[in-house]
Protein backbone atom coordinates (compact mmCIF):
# COMPACT_ATOMS: atom_id res chain seq x y z
CA MET A 1 71.49 -0.23 -43.18
CA GLN A 2 68.62 2.22 -42.01
CA ILE A 3 69.78 2.76 -38.63
CA LYS A 4 66.41 3.87 -36.61
CA ARG A 5 67.71 3.36 -33.62
CA VAL A 6 70.91 4.56 -31.72
CA GLY A 7 72.08 3.25 -28.12
CA VAL A 8 73.83 5.89 -25.88
CA ILE A 9 76.11 5.07 -23.52
CA GLY A 10 75.15 7.64 -20.81
CA GLY A 11 72.20 9.40 -19.89
CA GLY A 12 73.41 13.15 -18.99
CA GLN A 13 72.55 16.34 -20.45
CA LEU A 14 74.26 15.62 -23.65
CA ALA A 15 72.71 12.41 -24.58
CA TRP A 16 69.12 14.69 -23.40
CA MET A 17 70.15 17.32 -26.02
CA MET A 18 70.07 14.61 -28.53
CA ALA A 19 66.36 13.91 -27.93
CA THR A 20 65.02 16.77 -30.14
CA PRO A 21 67.47 16.54 -33.29
CA ALA A 22 66.76 12.85 -33.39
CA LYS A 23 62.20 12.96 -33.23
CA ALA A 24 63.29 14.99 -36.41
CA LEU A 25 65.42 12.62 -37.87
CA GLY A 26 63.07 9.86 -36.86
CA ILE A 27 65.67 7.85 -35.04
CA GLU A 28 64.98 6.47 -31.07
CA LEU A 29 67.60 6.86 -28.48
CA VAL A 30 67.93 3.95 -26.45
CA VAL A 31 70.45 5.27 -23.27
CA GLN A 32 72.26 3.41 -20.76
CA THR A 33 72.57 5.21 -17.79
CA PRO A 34 73.41 4.37 -13.89
CA SER A 35 70.06 6.08 -12.38
CA PRO A 36 66.72 6.36 -13.34
CA ASP A 37 66.68 10.09 -12.73
CA ASP A 38 69.40 10.85 -15.20
CA PRO A 39 68.48 14.01 -17.73
CA ALA A 40 67.48 11.19 -20.78
CA VAL A 41 66.03 9.03 -19.01
CA ALA A 42 62.60 11.40 -19.21
CA ILE A 43 63.51 11.68 -23.19
CA ALA A 44 64.68 7.75 -24.14
CA THR A 45 63.12 5.49 -25.71
CA ASP A 46 64.29 2.88 -23.58
CA THR A 47 66.73 2.63 -20.82
CA ILE A 48 69.01 0.18 -19.36
CA ILE A 49 69.68 1.11 -15.51
CA ALA A 50 73.39 0.14 -14.83
CA PRO A 51 76.85 1.96 -14.49
CA ILE A 52 78.61 3.68 -17.67
CA ASP A 53 81.19 0.58 -17.50
CA ASN A 54 79.05 -2.34 -17.43
CA ALA A 55 79.71 -4.38 -20.17
CA ASP A 56 77.17 -6.77 -19.98
CA ALA A 57 74.45 -3.82 -20.25
CA THR A 58 76.06 -2.65 -23.22
CA LYS A 59 75.51 -5.97 -24.96
CA GLU A 60 72.07 -5.64 -23.96
CA LEU A 61 71.47 -2.21 -25.34
CA ALA A 62 73.64 -3.76 -28.52
CA ARG A 63 70.86 -6.03 -28.69
CA ARG A 64 67.95 -3.33 -28.27
CA CYS A 65 68.93 -0.59 -31.37
CA ASP A 66 71.29 -0.71 -34.87
CA ILE A 67 74.37 1.55 -33.18
CA ILE A 68 75.98 2.30 -30.09
CA THR A 69 77.77 5.89 -29.24
CA PHE A 70 78.94 7.75 -26.76
CA GLU A 71 78.08 10.80 -24.13
CA ASN A 72 80.74 10.28 -21.94
CA GLU A 73 84.15 8.74 -22.29
CA PHE A 74 84.03 6.89 -18.94
CA VAL A 75 83.89 3.66 -20.25
CA ASP A 76 86.04 0.37 -20.07
CA LEU A 77 87.20 -0.11 -23.46
CA ALA A 78 89.16 -3.26 -23.10
CA ALA A 79 85.56 -5.03 -21.75
CA LEU A 80 83.95 -3.83 -25.10
CA PHE A 81 86.28 -4.88 -27.67
CA PRO A 82 84.76 -8.45 -27.78
CA LEU A 83 81.84 -6.56 -28.33
CA ALA A 84 83.11 -5.06 -31.20
CA GLU A 85 84.64 -8.03 -32.56
CA SER A 86 81.20 -10.21 -32.59
CA GLY A 87 80.03 -7.75 -34.82
CA VAL A 88 78.50 -5.00 -32.34
CA CYS A 89 78.25 -0.82 -34.67
CA PHE A 90 80.24 1.38 -31.89
CA ARG A 91 80.61 4.78 -33.54
CA PRO A 92 82.68 6.58 -32.92
CA ARG A 93 85.08 3.57 -33.08
CA LEU A 94 86.72 1.65 -30.05
CA GLU A 95 89.95 2.21 -31.95
CA ALA A 96 89.15 5.82 -32.16
CA LEU A 97 88.75 6.88 -28.36
CA SER A 98 91.77 3.89 -27.28
CA PRO A 99 94.07 6.60 -27.77
CA LEU A 100 92.37 9.05 -26.06
CA LEU A 101 90.36 8.30 -23.20
CA ASP A 102 93.74 8.41 -21.31
CA LYS A 103 95.64 12.12 -21.32
CA TYR A 104 99.06 10.58 -21.55
CA HIS A 105 97.81 8.33 -24.49
CA GLN A 106 96.54 11.28 -25.95
CA ARG A 107 99.39 13.32 -25.39
CA CYS A 108 101.49 11.29 -26.99
CA TYR A 109 99.25 10.58 -29.63
CA LEU A 110 98.93 14.18 -30.50
CA GLU A 111 102.83 14.04 -30.80
CA LYS A 112 103.17 11.51 -33.06
CA LEU A 113 100.71 13.53 -35.41
CA GLY A 114 103.05 16.79 -35.34
CA ILE A 115 100.12 18.58 -33.33
CA PRO A 116 101.14 21.16 -31.39
CA GLN A 117 100.36 21.16 -27.65
CA PRO A 118 102.20 21.64 -24.24
CA GLN A 119 105.09 20.09 -22.97
CA PHE A 120 104.27 16.64 -21.05
CA GLU A 121 105.90 13.68 -18.88
CA ILE A 122 104.66 11.12 -16.05
CA PRO A 123 106.31 12.27 -12.71
CA SER A 124 108.82 11.22 -10.98
CA SER A 125 110.95 12.53 -8.40
CA TYR A 126 111.93 15.33 -10.20
CA THR A 127 110.04 16.74 -13.29
CA ARG A 128 112.72 18.57 -16.27
CA LEU A 129 109.29 21.04 -16.56
CA ASN A 130 109.59 24.62 -15.19
CA PHE A 131 107.27 25.42 -12.06
CA PRO A 132 104.63 26.22 -12.33
CA VAL A 133 103.15 23.00 -14.14
CA VAL A 134 99.60 20.79 -14.10
CA LEU A 135 99.12 18.22 -12.76
CA LYS A 136 96.49 16.22 -14.49
CA THR A 137 94.51 12.84 -13.40
CA ARG A 138 95.37 10.51 -16.59
CA ARG A 139 91.39 9.13 -16.63
CA HIS A 140 87.54 10.79 -15.59
CA GLY A 141 88.89 14.29 -14.86
CA TYR A 142 86.23 16.47 -16.12
CA ASP A 143 85.16 20.42 -15.42
CA GLY A 144 88.17 20.88 -13.19
CA GLN A 145 88.13 17.72 -11.27
CA GLY A 146 91.76 16.02 -11.20
CA THR A 147 93.37 19.37 -12.24
CA PHE A 148 95.99 21.28 -10.58
CA ILE A 149 98.64 23.72 -11.05
CA ILE A 150 101.04 22.92 -8.88
CA LYS A 151 103.81 25.61 -7.77
CA ASP A 152 107.10 24.25 -6.62
CA LEU A 153 108.92 20.75 -6.01
CA ALA A 154 107.99 19.94 -2.47
CA THR A 155 104.09 20.94 -2.91
CA LEU A 156 104.74 18.18 -6.35
CA GLN A 157 106.06 15.31 -4.04
CA HIS A 158 104.02 15.93 -1.11
CA LYS A 159 100.72 15.84 -3.74
CA LEU A 160 102.26 12.56 -5.26
CA SER A 161 102.77 11.15 -2.06
CA THR A 162 99.28 11.65 -0.19
CA SER A 163 96.98 11.65 -3.00
CA HIS A 164 98.38 9.92 -6.65
CA GLN A 165 100.42 7.27 -7.55
CA SER A 166 102.77 8.20 -10.73
CA SER A 167 100.86 6.37 -12.70
CA GLU A 168 97.65 7.45 -12.68
CA VAL A 169 98.48 11.06 -13.42
CA LEU A 170 101.18 13.13 -15.97
CA LEU A 171 102.32 17.21 -15.84
CA GLU A 172 102.09 18.85 -18.48
CA GLU A 173 103.59 22.64 -18.94
CA PHE A 174 101.44 25.49 -17.78
CA ILE A 175 100.55 27.50 -20.52
CA PRO A 176 100.32 31.43 -20.19
CA PHE A 177 97.59 31.82 -22.66
CA GLU A 178 95.99 35.01 -24.13
CA ARG A 179 92.79 33.11 -24.59
CA GLU A 180 91.36 30.07 -24.87
CA LEU A 181 89.31 28.59 -27.59
CA ALA A 182 87.99 25.20 -28.85
CA VAL A 183 86.57 24.19 -31.90
CA ILE A 184 83.47 20.73 -32.57
CA VAL A 185 84.56 18.96 -35.56
CA ALA A 186 82.26 15.90 -36.84
CA ARG A 187 82.90 13.52 -38.96
CA ALA A 188 81.07 11.31 -41.40
CA VAL A 189 81.37 7.65 -42.07
CA ASN A 190 82.09 8.60 -45.71
CA GLY A 191 85.21 10.79 -44.31
CA ASP A 192 83.74 13.98 -44.64
CA VAL A 193 84.61 16.38 -42.11
CA VAL A 194 82.26 19.66 -41.01
CA THR A 195 83.75 21.91 -38.54
CA PHE A 196 82.28 24.48 -36.83
CA PRO A 197 82.85 28.08 -35.80
CA ILE A 198 85.36 28.41 -33.57
CA VAL A 199 84.47 30.05 -29.81
CA GLU A 200 86.38 31.79 -27.01
CA THR A 201 85.85 29.92 -23.82
CA GLN A 202 86.45 31.67 -20.72
CA GLN A 203 86.74 29.31 -17.80
CA GLU A 204 86.63 29.75 -13.83
CA ASN A 205 88.58 26.97 -11.47
CA GLN A 206 88.98 25.07 -14.65
CA VAL A 207 85.05 25.02 -15.76
CA CYS A 208 83.61 27.04 -18.41
CA ARG A 209 81.52 29.56 -17.34
CA HIS A 210 81.07 30.99 -20.97
CA VAL A 211 81.11 30.43 -24.71
CA ILE A 212 81.98 33.45 -27.46
CA ALA A 213 81.30 32.77 -31.00
CA PRO A 214 83.08 33.13 -33.11
CA ALA A 215 86.00 33.91 -31.13
CA GLU A 216 87.64 37.14 -32.61
CA ILE A 217 91.14 35.21 -34.24
CA SER A 218 92.71 35.67 -37.20
CA SER A 219 91.92 33.98 -40.16
CA GLY A 220 95.24 32.27 -40.41
CA ILE A 221 94.97 31.02 -36.81
CA ALA A 222 91.41 29.80 -37.61
CA GLN A 223 92.54 27.91 -40.34
CA GLU A 224 95.51 26.20 -38.48
CA ILE A 225 92.67 25.32 -35.45
CA GLU A 226 90.70 23.70 -38.79
CA ALA A 227 93.61 21.81 -40.47
CA ILE A 228 94.28 20.68 -36.71
CA ALA A 229 90.91 19.22 -36.18
CA HIS A 230 90.87 17.95 -39.95
CA THR A 231 94.69 15.70 -39.17
CA LEU A 232 92.71 14.46 -35.39
CA MET A 233 89.90 13.27 -37.37
CA LYS A 234 91.16 11.23 -40.76
CA SER A 235 93.98 10.04 -38.54
CA LEU A 236 91.28 8.66 -35.76
CA GLN A 237 88.99 7.24 -38.83
CA ALA A 238 86.74 8.69 -36.09
CA VAL A 239 82.79 8.88 -36.88
CA GLY A 240 80.94 11.78 -35.14
CA VAL A 241 81.78 14.90 -32.92
CA PHE A 242 84.65 16.01 -31.19
CA GLY A 243 85.36 18.60 -29.30
CA ILE A 244 89.22 20.42 -29.36
CA GLU A 245 90.16 22.73 -26.76
CA LEU A 246 92.87 25.32 -27.41
CA PHE A 247 95.00 27.25 -26.02
CA LEU A 248 95.77 30.83 -27.69
CA THR A 249 99.61 32.49 -27.13
CA PRO A 250 100.90 35.76 -28.59
CA ASP A 251 103.31 33.41 -31.21
CA LYS A 252 100.75 29.75 -31.68
CA VAL A 253 98.21 27.63 -30.89
CA LEU A 254 98.61 24.83 -28.70
CA VAL A 255 95.53 21.38 -28.23
CA ASN A 256 94.80 21.34 -24.49
CA GLU A 257 92.41 17.87 -24.26
CA ILE A 258 89.83 16.31 -27.03
CA ALA A 259 86.68 15.15 -25.81
CA PRO A 260 85.40 12.52 -28.00
CA ARG A 261 81.65 13.61 -28.11
CA THR A 262 79.67 16.31 -28.09
CA HIS A 263 80.99 19.16 -25.71
CA ASN A 264 79.89 21.86 -23.47
CA SER A 265 81.79 24.64 -25.81
CA GLY A 266 78.99 23.61 -28.87
CA HIS A 267 76.10 24.54 -27.27
CA PHE A 268 75.53 27.77 -28.32
CA THR A 269 74.90 26.01 -31.97
CA ILE A 270 71.45 24.45 -30.66
CA ASP A 271 70.04 27.80 -31.60
CA ALA A 272 72.42 29.63 -33.63
CA CYS A 273 73.79 27.56 -35.82
CA ALA A 274 71.89 26.25 -38.84
CA THR A 275 72.69 22.26 -37.46
CA SER A 276 73.38 22.00 -34.02
CA GLN A 277 76.21 19.50 -33.17
CA PHE A 278 74.04 17.17 -31.65
CA GLU A 279 71.93 17.06 -34.57
CA GLN A 280 75.28 16.53 -36.51
CA HIS A 281 76.60 13.80 -34.27
CA LEU A 282 73.26 11.75 -34.96
CA ARG A 283 73.81 12.84 -38.94
CA ALA A 284 77.70 11.48 -38.37
CA VAL A 285 76.46 7.89 -36.44
CA CYS A 286 73.62 7.37 -38.78
CA ASP A 287 75.75 7.57 -41.90
CA LEU A 288 73.12 10.75 -42.72
CA PRO A 289 74.58 13.31 -44.59
CA LEU A 290 76.08 16.31 -42.56
CA GLY A 291 74.51 19.48 -41.90
CA HIS A 292 75.66 22.77 -42.66
CA ALA A 293 77.52 24.43 -39.74
CA ASP A 294 76.98 28.38 -40.24
CA LEU A 295 75.59 30.84 -37.58
CA THR A 296 72.38 31.96 -38.52
CA CYS A 297 73.28 34.94 -36.75
CA SER A 298 75.99 37.38 -36.20
CA GLY A 299 77.05 35.77 -33.19
CA ALA A 300 76.26 34.39 -29.49
CA VAL A 301 76.85 33.78 -25.84
CA MET A 302 76.70 30.86 -24.05
CA VAL A 303 76.19 30.92 -20.48
CA ASN A 304 76.65 27.44 -18.25
CA LEU A 305 74.00 27.76 -14.94
CA LEU A 306 76.24 26.07 -12.81
CA GLY A 307 74.83 25.06 -8.98
CA TYR A 308 76.51 27.54 -6.42
CA GLU A 309 74.79 25.67 -3.36
CA HIS A 310 73.79 22.36 -1.94
CA ALA A 311 69.83 22.45 -2.72
CA GLN A 312 66.85 21.05 -4.43
CA ASP A 313 65.71 23.19 -6.49
CA ASP A 314 64.25 24.22 -9.95
CA TYR A 315 65.31 27.52 -9.35
CA LEU A 316 61.72 28.84 -11.60
CA ASP A 317 62.12 32.41 -10.65
CA LYS A 318 65.59 33.30 -11.68
CA ARG A 319 64.90 31.45 -15.37
CA MET A 320 61.85 32.93 -15.58
CA ARG A 321 63.76 36.38 -14.70
CA ILE A 322 66.44 35.38 -17.05
CA SER A 323 64.29 34.40 -20.28
CA ARG A 324 62.92 38.04 -20.27
CA VAL A 325 66.45 38.90 -21.79
CA PRO A 326 65.87 39.69 -25.56
CA HIS A 327 67.01 36.86 -27.53
CA THR A 328 67.28 34.57 -24.82
CA HIS A 329 67.41 30.90 -25.31
CA VAL A 330 67.11 28.96 -21.66
CA HIS A 331 68.12 25.46 -21.87
CA TRP A 332 66.96 23.33 -18.43
CA TYR A 333 68.51 19.50 -17.56
CA GLY A 334 65.55 18.49 -15.57
CA LYS A 335 68.70 17.31 -12.33
CA GLN A 336 66.78 17.02 -9.15
CA GLU A 337 69.50 18.15 -7.32
CA SER A 338 71.91 21.11 -6.83
CA ARG A 339 75.50 20.87 -5.85
CA PRO A 340 78.82 23.93 -6.56
CA GLY A 341 79.87 23.98 -10.33
CA ARG A 342 77.08 21.06 -10.98
CA LYS A 343 75.43 22.08 -14.81
CA LEU A 344 72.19 22.14 -14.21
CA GLY A 345 71.80 24.48 -17.98
CA HIS A 346 72.33 26.86 -19.61
CA VAL A 347 71.58 29.64 -21.99
CA THR A 348 72.05 31.60 -25.46
CA VAL A 349 71.86 35.00 -26.20
CA LEU A 350 71.88 35.55 -29.67
CA LEU A 351 73.54 38.55 -30.50
CA ASP A 352 72.93 41.61 -33.63
CA GLU A 353 76.50 42.26 -34.09
CA ARG A 354 79.96 40.63 -33.34
CA ASN A 355 81.38 43.36 -30.46
CA PRO A 356 83.56 41.29 -28.01
CA GLN A 357 82.58 44.25 -25.69
CA VAL A 358 78.86 43.29 -25.74
CA ALA A 359 79.05 39.75 -25.74
CA GLN A 360 81.04 39.48 -22.42
CA ALA A 361 78.61 42.62 -20.82
CA ILE A 362 75.98 39.72 -21.87
CA ALA A 363 77.38 37.23 -20.55
CA GLN A 364 77.82 39.15 -16.90
CA LYS A 365 74.26 40.15 -17.11
CA ILE A 366 73.31 36.74 -17.24
CA GLU A 367 74.95 35.79 -14.75
CA SER A 368 74.45 38.14 -12.38
CA LEU A 369 70.70 36.79 -12.66
CA TRP A 370 71.96 33.58 -11.55
CA TYR A 371 74.65 33.81 -9.43
CA PRO A 372 73.40 35.20 -4.98
CA GLU A 373 75.71 38.64 -4.65
C-alpha cells in the first residue's frame, strides 16, 4: 500500500515539524488537535478539532487518511483498540504503546527486558528506597510536570495525602548522575533499526535547556546505549521514532524514560543530520526505506527557547539577534501565547569542531540573548 495521507494525533510543534519532510516525500498530514491555534493546524492538509483522547474524532481521522501516528502520548488506548480491531492502522501499533504510557508499567517492562534502570516501587506508608527519592505521576507528566524530589518520609506522606493517590504515582531511586544522555531510534516496518548520534542533554527543573551533539562518551558506552535501543524497539515491534533518555553514572548507564514519539532531544537532527528525526518517523510509518542518520557537520548545539513570562509576543527582535550568531538556525513554533516553561521555539547552531567548552559557550550566548537579565 502506498501511503499518501498520514493522520497525526496531536497538533503541537512535533507535528508542525513534520511538515517540511512530509512535503518532500509527497505525504499529506491530517491532524487531530484540540485547538485551532495549535502549531500544526497551519501546516495540515486537513484538521479535526477535537481532544487528543476523543476516540470518535480518531475514527473520523482514520476515515480521512491511510495510517495514524502519534505526536504525543495523551491518548486513551482502551478506546482506540476497537478501531485497531476494525482495521485502522496505527504506527506505532497500540500494543507497542501499551507498556510505555504508564510510567510504572514502563518500569516493569524494562525490568522484564533486563534493561538497567533506577529501582522503583509503588508508594505505601513506607519505602524501601533511600531518601531522597523521586516521585512521579504515572500518566501525563512531561517537561518536569508531575516530577518531585522528596527528601524524607514525612514530606512523602504529606505529598501523598494532599495531592496524590498512591495508585497515581510511583517512586524511583534518586540517581546522582554525572550527565544526562539521550538517543533517538527509528524502526521500520521490515525491522530495520537506525540510531541517531547520542547526545548530552542539560536540564533545569526537569526541563531540557539545551542539547549537545554528539555526546563526549566512550565507544563502550555508545555501544551499550545502542544495544538498549535495539533491544527495546525489537521487543516492542515498534514502528516509528522513539526517544530514550538516560542517566550516565561513573560505572553504568540507566534508562530514565522512554518517549514513544519524536523527541525534543532530537531537534538538532533537522539541521545537523542527513535525515531529520521527523523525516525518519514519516519514512518508518509510511514503509519507506530509513534514511542515514549521520551528522553532516562536526557537531551541533540545540537550545530551547522557553517562555519566561505570561505574554502575547512573537519576540521577533530577540529572534533576529539570535539569528545573527554564525551557523545558527532559528525554529519558531508560532504559538500565540508565552508562559513560563512553555517551549516556544528552538535554535540549532552547527559547530566546526567537537569541543564541549565551545558548545557550552555557544549555548550560554544564545540563552543570554533570549532570557532577560
